[in-house]
Amino acid sequence: MAAPQFGEREAARDYRDRPAAFGIVERDGRIALVRVEKPHHTAWFDLPGGAIDPGEVAEEAVVREYGEEAGLSVAVGRAYATADQYFVNTDGEAFNNLATFFTLELKGEEPGLKIEDDHTLVWKDPHEALAILRHDAHAWAVAAWLRLRGRA
C-alpha cells in the first residue's frame, strides 16, 4: 500500500525526495512538539524529526533529531505509519518528505544534545497538536497514533 501524499505540488517546482523520520513521545498526557522560529517567517509547530542523513537508518535519525531539536533522549518503539509531504523550506528548496513515524519512549532530558537554537520544545495535548501542526502529514500521524492507542 502506498503512503498517503500530503501537501500541494506546485507545477513549476522540482521536488526532491527526502527520506525522513519523525516520532511521538508522550509525557503526562502531552506529546512533544517543537516550535520553530526562523527570521522573516511566522513561527510554526512540527513533530521533532527530519531528514535521514547518509549512512543512517530511520531509527537512528529520529533519535538524533530529537536530541538536536528538543534536547530529549528517546528510545525507538516501532514504526506505525508512513506518509509523504510536499513542502518548500525557508530557503526555497522543494522537498517531498518520505516520512516514517515511530512510537518513542522518553529516556530523559539531555540539554547538551540540543543544537538547533531556532527550535523550542513544547508539550501539547495531542488533540491540540492536530490543529496547530504545520504539516498535514504530521497531523495525520498524530491522529493515527491516537487511534493506535485507542484514544481517538
N, C-alpha and C. Protein backbone atom coordinates (compact mmCIF):
# COMPACT_ATOMS: atom_id res chain seq x y z
N MET A 1 0.84 -1.18 0.00
CA MET A 1 0.00 0.00 0.00
C MET A 1 0.89 1.24 0.00
N ALA A 2 0.58 2.16 -0.87
CA ALA A 2 1.36 3.41 -0.96
C ALA A 2 1.05 4.31 0.22
N ALA A 3 2.06 5.06 0.62
CA ALA A 3 1.87 6.03 1.71
C ALA A 3 0.98 7.16 1.21
N PRO A 4 0.13 7.71 2.09
CA PRO A 4 -0.67 8.86 1.67
C PRO A 4 0.24 10.05 1.35
N GLN A 5 -0.16 10.84 0.38
CA GLN A 5 0.60 12.01 -0.04
C GLN A 5 -0.12 13.27 0.40
N PHE A 6 0.60 14.14 1.11
CA PHE A 6 0.04 15.40 1.60
C PHE A 6 0.79 16.56 0.95
N GLY A 7 0.19 17.73 1.03
CA GLY A 7 0.80 18.95 0.51
C GLY A 7 0.41 19.19 -0.93
N GLU A 8 0.63 20.43 -1.35
CA GLU A 8 0.32 20.84 -2.72
C GLU A 8 1.61 20.89 -3.52
N ARG A 9 1.63 20.20 -4.63
CA ARG A 9 2.79 20.22 -5.51
C ARG A 9 2.61 21.36 -6.52
N GLU A 10 3.53 22.33 -6.47
CA GLU A 10 3.49 23.43 -7.43
C GLU A 10 4.12 22.95 -8.73
N ALA A 11 3.43 23.14 -9.84
CA ALA A 11 3.87 22.61 -11.12
C ALA A 11 5.25 23.13 -11.54
N ALA A 12 5.59 24.35 -11.18
CA ALA A 12 6.84 24.96 -11.62
C ALA A 12 8.05 24.52 -10.77
N ARG A 13 7.83 23.73 -9.74
CA ARG A 13 8.93 23.33 -8.85
C ARG A 13 9.30 21.87 -9.04
N ASP A 14 10.57 21.59 -8.82
CA ASP A 14 11.07 20.22 -8.82
C ASP A 14 11.24 19.79 -7.36
N TYR A 15 10.48 18.82 -6.92
CA TYR A 15 10.51 18.35 -5.53
C TYR A 15 11.45 17.16 -5.42
N ARG A 16 12.46 17.32 -4.56
CA ARG A 16 13.42 16.24 -4.34
C ARG A 16 12.89 15.33 -3.23
N ASP A 17 12.89 14.01 -3.49
CA ASP A 17 12.50 13.06 -2.45
C ASP A 17 13.51 13.12 -1.32
N ARG A 18 13.01 13.16 -0.08
CA ARG A 18 13.88 13.25 1.09
C ARG A 18 13.38 12.27 2.16
N PRO A 19 14.04 11.12 2.30
CA PRO A 19 13.66 10.21 3.38
C PRO A 19 13.79 10.92 4.73
N ALA A 20 12.78 10.74 5.59
CA ALA A 20 12.74 11.44 6.86
C ALA A 20 12.14 10.54 7.94
N ALA A 21 12.42 10.89 9.19
CA ALA A 21 11.90 10.13 10.32
C ALA A 21 11.40 11.09 11.40
N PHE A 22 10.23 10.81 11.92
CA PHE A 22 9.61 11.60 12.97
C PHE A 22 9.05 10.63 14.01
N GLY A 23 8.76 11.15 15.18
CA GLY A 23 8.21 10.27 16.21
C GLY A 23 7.36 11.01 17.19
N ILE A 24 6.64 10.23 17.98
CA ILE A 24 5.78 10.79 19.02
C ILE A 24 6.21 10.20 20.35
N VAL A 25 6.52 11.11 21.28
CA VAL A 25 6.80 10.72 22.66
C VAL A 25 5.81 11.46 23.55
N GLU A 26 5.31 10.75 24.55
CA GLU A 26 4.28 11.29 25.43
C GLU A 26 4.82 11.41 26.85
N ARG A 27 4.40 12.48 27.51
CA ARG A 27 4.70 12.67 28.93
C ARG A 27 3.49 13.33 29.57
N ASP A 28 2.96 12.70 30.59
CA ASP A 28 1.81 13.25 31.32
C ASP A 28 0.64 13.64 30.41
N GLY A 29 0.36 12.80 29.42
CA GLY A 29 -0.77 13.04 28.53
C GLY A 29 -0.53 14.04 27.42
N ARG A 30 0.68 14.55 27.34
CA ARG A 30 1.02 15.53 26.29
C ARG A 30 2.12 14.94 25.40
N ILE A 31 2.19 15.43 24.18
CA ILE A 31 3.22 14.97 23.26
C ILE A 31 4.21 16.10 22.97
N ALA A 32 5.44 15.70 22.64
CA ALA A 32 6.49 16.67 22.34
C ALA A 32 6.30 17.21 20.93
N LEU A 33 6.35 18.54 20.84
CA LEU A 33 6.40 19.25 19.57
C LEU A 33 7.57 20.21 19.65
N VAL A 34 8.00 20.74 18.52
CA VAL A 34 8.96 21.84 18.53
C VAL A 34 8.31 23.05 17.86
N ARG A 35 8.52 24.20 18.49
CA ARG A 35 8.09 25.48 17.91
C ARG A 35 9.31 26.01 17.19
N VAL A 36 9.18 26.23 15.89
CA VAL A 36 10.29 26.65 15.05
C VAL A 36 10.12 28.12 14.70
N GLU A 37 11.17 28.91 14.97
CA GLU A 37 11.15 30.33 14.69
C GLU A 37 12.33 30.67 13.78
N LYS A 38 12.02 31.03 12.55
CA LYS A 38 13.03 31.42 11.56
C LYS A 38 12.85 32.91 11.24
N PRO A 39 13.96 33.63 11.02
CA PRO A 39 13.83 35.05 10.68
C PRO A 39 12.93 35.26 9.46
N HIS A 40 12.09 36.27 9.55
CA HIS A 40 11.21 36.68 8.45
C HIS A 40 10.12 35.67 8.12
N HIS A 41 9.82 34.76 9.06
CA HIS A 41 8.75 33.77 8.87
C HIS A 41 7.93 33.69 10.15
N THR A 42 6.65 33.38 9.99
CA THR A 42 5.80 33.14 11.14
C THR A 42 6.20 31.82 11.77
N ALA A 43 6.27 31.77 13.10
CA ALA A 43 6.64 30.54 13.80
C ALA A 43 5.62 29.44 13.50
N TRP A 44 6.08 28.19 13.57
CA TRP A 44 5.21 27.04 13.33
C TRP A 44 5.58 25.90 14.28
N PHE A 45 4.72 24.88 14.31
CA PHE A 45 4.93 23.69 15.14
C PHE A 45 5.13 22.47 14.25
N ASP A 46 6.09 21.64 14.63
CA ASP A 46 6.36 20.36 13.96
C ASP A 46 6.53 19.27 15.01
N LEU A 47 6.37 18.03 14.56
CA LEU A 47 6.87 16.92 15.36
C LEU A 47 8.38 16.95 15.27
N PRO A 48 9.11 16.66 16.33
CA PRO A 48 10.56 16.56 16.21
C PRO A 48 10.93 15.45 15.22
N GLY A 49 11.96 15.70 14.47
CA GLY A 49 12.42 14.73 13.47
C GLY A 49 12.90 15.47 12.24
N GLY A 50 13.25 14.70 11.21
CA GLY A 50 13.71 15.33 9.99
C GLY A 50 14.41 14.36 9.08
N ALA A 51 15.24 14.91 8.22
CA ALA A 51 15.89 14.13 7.17
C ALA A 51 16.80 13.04 7.75
N ILE A 52 16.83 11.94 7.04
CA ILE A 52 17.74 10.85 7.38
C ILE A 52 19.08 11.15 6.70
N ASP A 53 20.14 11.26 7.48
CA ASP A 53 21.47 11.56 6.95
C ASP A 53 22.06 10.35 6.24
N PRO A 54 22.98 10.57 5.29
CA PRO A 54 23.63 9.44 4.62
C PRO A 54 24.27 8.50 5.65
N GLY A 55 24.05 7.21 5.46
CA GLY A 55 24.60 6.20 6.36
C GLY A 55 23.74 5.90 7.57
N GLU A 56 22.67 6.68 7.78
CA GLU A 56 21.76 6.46 8.90
C GLU A 56 20.58 5.60 8.47
N VAL A 57 19.97 4.95 9.44
CA VAL A 57 18.66 4.34 9.23
C VAL A 57 17.65 5.24 9.94
N ALA A 58 16.38 5.05 9.64
CA ALA A 58 15.33 5.93 10.16
C ALA A 58 15.34 5.97 11.69
N GLU A 59 15.55 4.84 12.33
CA GLU A 59 15.55 4.80 13.80
C GLU A 59 16.67 5.67 14.38
N GLU A 60 17.84 5.64 13.77
CA GLU A 60 18.95 6.48 14.23
C GLU A 60 18.63 7.95 14.01
N ALA A 61 18.02 8.25 12.87
CA ALA A 61 17.72 9.65 12.54
C ALA A 61 16.74 10.26 13.53
N VAL A 62 15.68 9.54 13.90
CA VAL A 62 14.69 10.13 14.80
C VAL A 62 15.29 10.34 16.19
N VAL A 63 16.17 9.44 16.64
CA VAL A 63 16.83 9.62 17.93
C VAL A 63 17.74 10.85 17.87
N ARG A 64 18.52 10.98 16.80
CA ARG A 64 19.42 12.13 16.64
C ARG A 64 18.64 13.44 16.59
N GLU A 65 17.59 13.47 15.78
CA GLU A 65 16.80 14.69 15.61
C GLU A 65 16.12 15.11 16.92
N TYR A 66 15.62 14.16 17.69
CA TYR A 66 15.01 14.50 18.98
C TYR A 66 16.03 15.19 19.89
N GLY A 67 17.25 14.69 19.87
CA GLY A 67 18.30 15.33 20.66
C GLY A 67 18.62 16.72 20.16
N GLU A 68 18.85 16.86 18.85
CA GLU A 68 19.26 18.13 18.26
C GLU A 68 18.18 19.21 18.36
N GLU A 69 16.92 18.83 18.16
CA GLU A 69 15.84 19.81 18.12
C GLU A 69 15.21 20.07 19.49
N ALA A 70 15.10 19.02 20.32
CA ALA A 70 14.33 19.14 21.56
C ALA A 70 15.14 18.89 22.82
N GLY A 71 16.37 18.42 22.69
CA GLY A 71 17.17 18.11 23.87
C GLY A 71 16.62 16.93 24.65
N LEU A 72 15.98 16.00 23.95
CA LEU A 72 15.42 14.81 24.59
C LEU A 72 16.14 13.56 24.12
N SER A 73 16.35 12.65 25.05
CA SER A 73 16.87 11.32 24.74
C SER A 73 15.67 10.38 24.66
N VAL A 74 15.54 9.67 23.54
CA VAL A 74 14.39 8.79 23.33
C VAL A 74 14.85 7.41 22.89
N ALA A 75 14.00 6.43 23.15
CA ALA A 75 14.19 5.07 22.65
C ALA A 75 13.09 4.80 21.63
N VAL A 76 13.46 4.17 20.54
CA VAL A 76 12.52 3.89 19.46
C VAL A 76 11.67 2.67 19.80
N GLY A 77 10.35 2.85 19.65
CA GLY A 77 9.43 1.73 19.81
C GLY A 77 9.27 1.03 18.48
N ARG A 78 8.23 1.41 17.75
CA ARG A 78 8.00 0.77 16.45
C ARG A 78 7.54 1.80 15.43
N ALA A 79 7.80 1.49 14.18
CA ALA A 79 7.26 2.31 13.09
C ALA A 79 5.77 1.98 12.99
N TYR A 80 4.93 3.00 13.00
CA TYR A 80 3.50 2.74 12.95
C TYR A 80 2.82 3.37 11.74
N ALA A 81 3.51 4.23 11.00
CA ALA A 81 2.88 4.89 9.86
C ALA A 81 3.95 5.44 8.92
N THR A 82 3.56 5.60 7.66
CA THR A 82 4.37 6.33 6.68
C THR A 82 3.45 7.30 5.96
N ALA A 83 4.01 8.45 5.62
CA ALA A 83 3.24 9.46 4.87
C ALA A 83 4.23 10.39 4.19
N ASP A 84 3.86 10.87 3.03
CA ASP A 84 4.70 11.78 2.26
C ASP A 84 4.12 13.19 2.31
N GLN A 85 5.01 14.20 2.25
CA GLN A 85 4.56 15.60 2.37
C GLN A 85 5.38 16.49 1.45
N TYR A 86 4.71 17.10 0.47
CA TYR A 86 5.36 18.14 -0.33
C TYR A 86 5.47 19.40 0.52
N PHE A 87 6.63 20.05 0.48
CA PHE A 87 6.77 21.34 1.15
C PHE A 87 7.97 22.08 0.59
N VAL A 88 7.99 23.39 0.82
CA VAL A 88 9.10 24.24 0.43
C VAL A 88 9.68 24.81 1.72
N ASN A 89 10.99 24.61 1.94
CA ASN A 89 11.58 25.08 3.20
C ASN A 89 11.84 26.58 3.14
N THR A 90 12.34 27.13 4.23
CA THR A 90 12.52 28.58 4.32
C THR A 90 13.64 29.09 3.40
N ASP A 91 14.46 28.18 2.87
CA ASP A 91 15.48 28.57 1.89
C ASP A 91 14.97 28.46 0.46
N GLY A 92 13.69 28.09 0.29
CA GLY A 92 13.11 27.98 -1.03
C GLY A 92 13.33 26.63 -1.71
N GLU A 93 13.89 25.67 -0.98
CA GLU A 93 14.12 24.33 -1.55
C GLU A 93 12.84 23.51 -1.43
N ALA A 94 12.49 22.80 -2.51
CA ALA A 94 11.27 21.99 -2.54
C ALA A 94 11.61 20.53 -2.29
N PHE A 95 10.88 19.94 -1.34
CA PHE A 95 11.11 18.54 -0.96
C PHE A 95 9.79 17.79 -0.93
N ASN A 96 9.90 16.48 -1.07
CA ASN A 96 8.81 15.57 -0.75
C ASN A 96 9.35 14.69 0.36
N ASN A 97 8.99 15.01 1.62
CA ASN A 97 9.42 14.20 2.75
C ASN A 97 8.76 12.83 2.63
N LEU A 98 9.57 11.79 2.60
CA LEU A 98 9.09 10.41 2.61
C LEU A 98 9.26 9.94 4.04
N ALA A 99 8.24 10.18 4.87
CA ALA A 99 8.39 10.09 6.32
C ALA A 99 7.91 8.76 6.88
N THR A 100 8.71 8.27 7.82
CA THR A 100 8.31 7.15 8.68
C THR A 100 8.08 7.74 10.07
N PHE A 101 7.00 7.33 10.70
CA PHE A 101 6.64 7.81 12.03
C PHE A 101 6.77 6.67 13.03
N PHE A 102 7.39 6.98 14.18
CA PHE A 102 7.68 5.98 15.21
C PHE A 102 7.00 6.33 16.52
N THR A 103 6.66 5.30 17.29
CA THR A 103 6.34 5.48 18.69
C THR A 103 7.68 5.55 19.41
N LEU A 104 7.76 6.40 20.42
CA LEU A 104 9.01 6.60 21.14
C LEU A 104 8.77 6.54 22.64
N GLU A 105 9.83 6.21 23.38
CA GLU A 105 9.80 6.24 24.83
C GLU A 105 10.78 7.31 25.30
N LEU A 106 10.34 8.15 26.21
CA LEU A 106 11.20 9.19 26.75
C LEU A 106 12.18 8.57 27.74
N LYS A 107 13.47 8.74 27.46
CA LYS A 107 14.50 8.28 28.39
C LYS A 107 14.90 9.38 29.36
N GLY A 108 14.89 10.63 28.87
CA GLY A 108 15.25 11.74 29.74
C GLY A 108 15.54 13.00 28.95
N GLU A 109 15.73 14.08 29.70
CA GLU A 109 16.11 15.34 29.08
C GLU A 109 17.63 15.39 29.02
N GLU A 110 18.15 15.79 27.86
CA GLU A 110 19.59 15.88 27.61
C GLU A 110 19.88 17.22 26.93
N PRO A 111 19.88 18.33 27.69
CA PRO A 111 20.07 19.65 27.08
C PRO A 111 21.35 19.77 26.25
N GLY A 112 22.37 19.01 26.58
CA GLY A 112 23.62 19.07 25.83
C GLY A 112 23.51 18.57 24.40
N LEU A 113 22.47 17.81 24.09
CA LEU A 113 22.26 17.31 22.73
C LEU A 113 21.68 18.37 21.81
N LYS A 114 21.01 19.37 22.40
CA LYS A 114 20.28 20.35 21.60
C LYS A 114 21.24 21.32 20.91
N ILE A 115 21.12 21.40 19.58
CA ILE A 115 21.99 22.30 18.81
C ILE A 115 21.19 23.26 17.92
N GLU A 116 19.90 23.03 17.78
CA GLU A 116 19.09 23.87 16.90
C GLU A 116 18.42 24.95 17.74
N ASP A 117 19.03 26.13 17.76
CA ASP A 117 18.55 27.23 18.61
C ASP A 117 17.20 27.78 18.18
N ASP A 118 16.81 27.55 16.93
CA ASP A 118 15.52 28.07 16.46
C ASP A 118 14.36 27.11 16.73
N HIS A 119 14.65 25.99 17.42
CA HIS A 119 13.63 25.02 17.81
C HIS A 119 13.46 25.05 19.33
N THR A 120 12.22 25.12 19.80
CA THR A 120 11.92 25.13 21.22
C THR A 120 10.95 23.99 21.53
N LEU A 121 11.30 23.15 22.49
CA LEU A 121 10.44 22.05 22.91
C LEU A 121 9.20 22.59 23.61
N VAL A 122 8.04 22.08 23.19
CA VAL A 122 6.78 22.38 23.87
C VAL A 122 6.02 21.06 24.01
N TRP A 123 5.26 20.95 25.08
CA TRP A 123 4.43 19.76 25.31
C TRP A 123 2.98 20.18 25.11
N LYS A 124 2.26 19.48 24.23
CA LYS A 124 0.89 19.84 23.89
C LYS A 124 -0.02 18.62 23.99
N ASP A 125 -1.28 18.89 24.31
CA ASP A 125 -2.29 17.85 24.24
C ASP A 125 -2.34 17.36 22.78
N PRO A 126 -2.41 16.05 22.56
CA PRO A 126 -2.41 15.56 21.16
C PRO A 126 -3.55 16.12 20.32
N HIS A 127 -4.71 16.34 20.90
CA HIS A 127 -5.82 16.89 20.13
C HIS A 127 -5.55 18.34 19.73
N GLU A 128 -4.88 19.10 20.59
CA GLU A 128 -4.47 20.46 20.23
C GLU A 128 -3.43 20.41 19.12
N ALA A 129 -2.51 19.44 19.21
CA ALA A 129 -1.47 19.29 18.18
C ALA A 129 -2.08 19.11 16.80
N LEU A 130 -3.20 18.38 16.72
CA LEU A 130 -3.86 18.16 15.42
C LEU A 130 -4.16 19.47 14.72
N ALA A 131 -4.51 20.49 15.49
CA ALA A 131 -4.92 21.78 14.92
C ALA A 131 -3.75 22.71 14.62
N ILE A 132 -2.61 22.53 15.29
CA ILE A 132 -1.54 23.52 15.15
C ILE A 132 -0.33 23.04 14.36
N LEU A 133 -0.22 21.75 14.08
CA LEU A 133 0.94 21.27 13.34
C LEU A 133 0.96 21.84 11.92
N ARG A 134 2.15 22.22 11.47
CA ARG A 134 2.31 22.84 10.15
C ARG A 134 1.99 21.87 9.03
N HIS A 135 2.50 20.67 9.11
CA HIS A 135 2.34 19.70 8.02
C HIS A 135 1.13 18.81 8.24
N ASP A 136 0.31 18.65 7.20
CA ASP A 136 -0.83 17.76 7.28
C ASP A 136 -0.39 16.32 7.57
N ALA A 137 0.76 15.91 7.05
CA ALA A 137 1.25 14.56 7.31
C ALA A 137 1.51 14.35 8.80
N HIS A 138 2.00 15.39 9.49
CA HIS A 138 2.24 15.29 10.93
C HIS A 138 0.92 15.16 11.69
N ALA A 139 -0.08 15.97 11.32
CA ALA A 139 -1.39 15.88 11.97
C ALA A 139 -2.00 14.51 11.72
N TRP A 140 -1.89 14.01 10.50
CA TRP A 140 -2.40 12.67 10.18
C TRP A 140 -1.71 11.62 11.03
N ALA A 141 -0.39 11.75 11.22
CA ALA A 141 0.36 10.79 12.03
C ALA A 141 -0.05 10.84 13.50
N VAL A 142 -0.35 12.03 14.01
CA VAL A 142 -0.84 12.14 15.39
C VAL A 142 -2.21 11.46 15.50
N ALA A 143 -3.09 11.68 14.54
CA ALA A 143 -4.40 11.02 14.55
C ALA A 143 -4.24 9.49 14.50
N ALA A 144 -3.32 9.01 13.66
CA ALA A 144 -3.07 7.57 13.58
C ALA A 144 -2.53 7.05 14.91
N TRP A 145 -1.67 7.82 15.56
CA TRP A 145 -1.12 7.43 16.87
C TRP A 145 -2.23 7.37 17.92
N LEU A 146 -3.13 8.36 17.92
CA LEU A 146 -4.25 8.35 18.84
C LEU A 146 -5.13 7.12 18.64
N ARG A 147 -5.40 6.80 17.41
CA ARG A 147 -6.22 5.62 17.11
C ARG A 147 -5.51 4.34 17.54
N LEU A 148 -4.21 4.30 17.32
CA LEU A 148 -3.40 3.16 17.73
C LEU A 148 -3.49 2.95 19.24
N ARG A 149 -3.53 4.03 19.97
CA ARG A 149 -3.59 3.98 21.43
C ARG A 149 -5.03 3.89 21.95
N GLY A 150 -6.01 3.92 21.03
CA GLY A 150 -7.40 3.80 21.44
C GLY A 150 -7.95 5.03 22.12
N ARG A 151 -7.36 6.20 21.78
CA ARG A 151 -7.77 7.43 22.45
C ARG A 151 -8.35 8.45 21.47
N ALA A 152 -8.74 8.01 20.31
CA ALA A 152 -9.26 8.98 19.32
C ALA A 152 -10.58 9.55 19.76
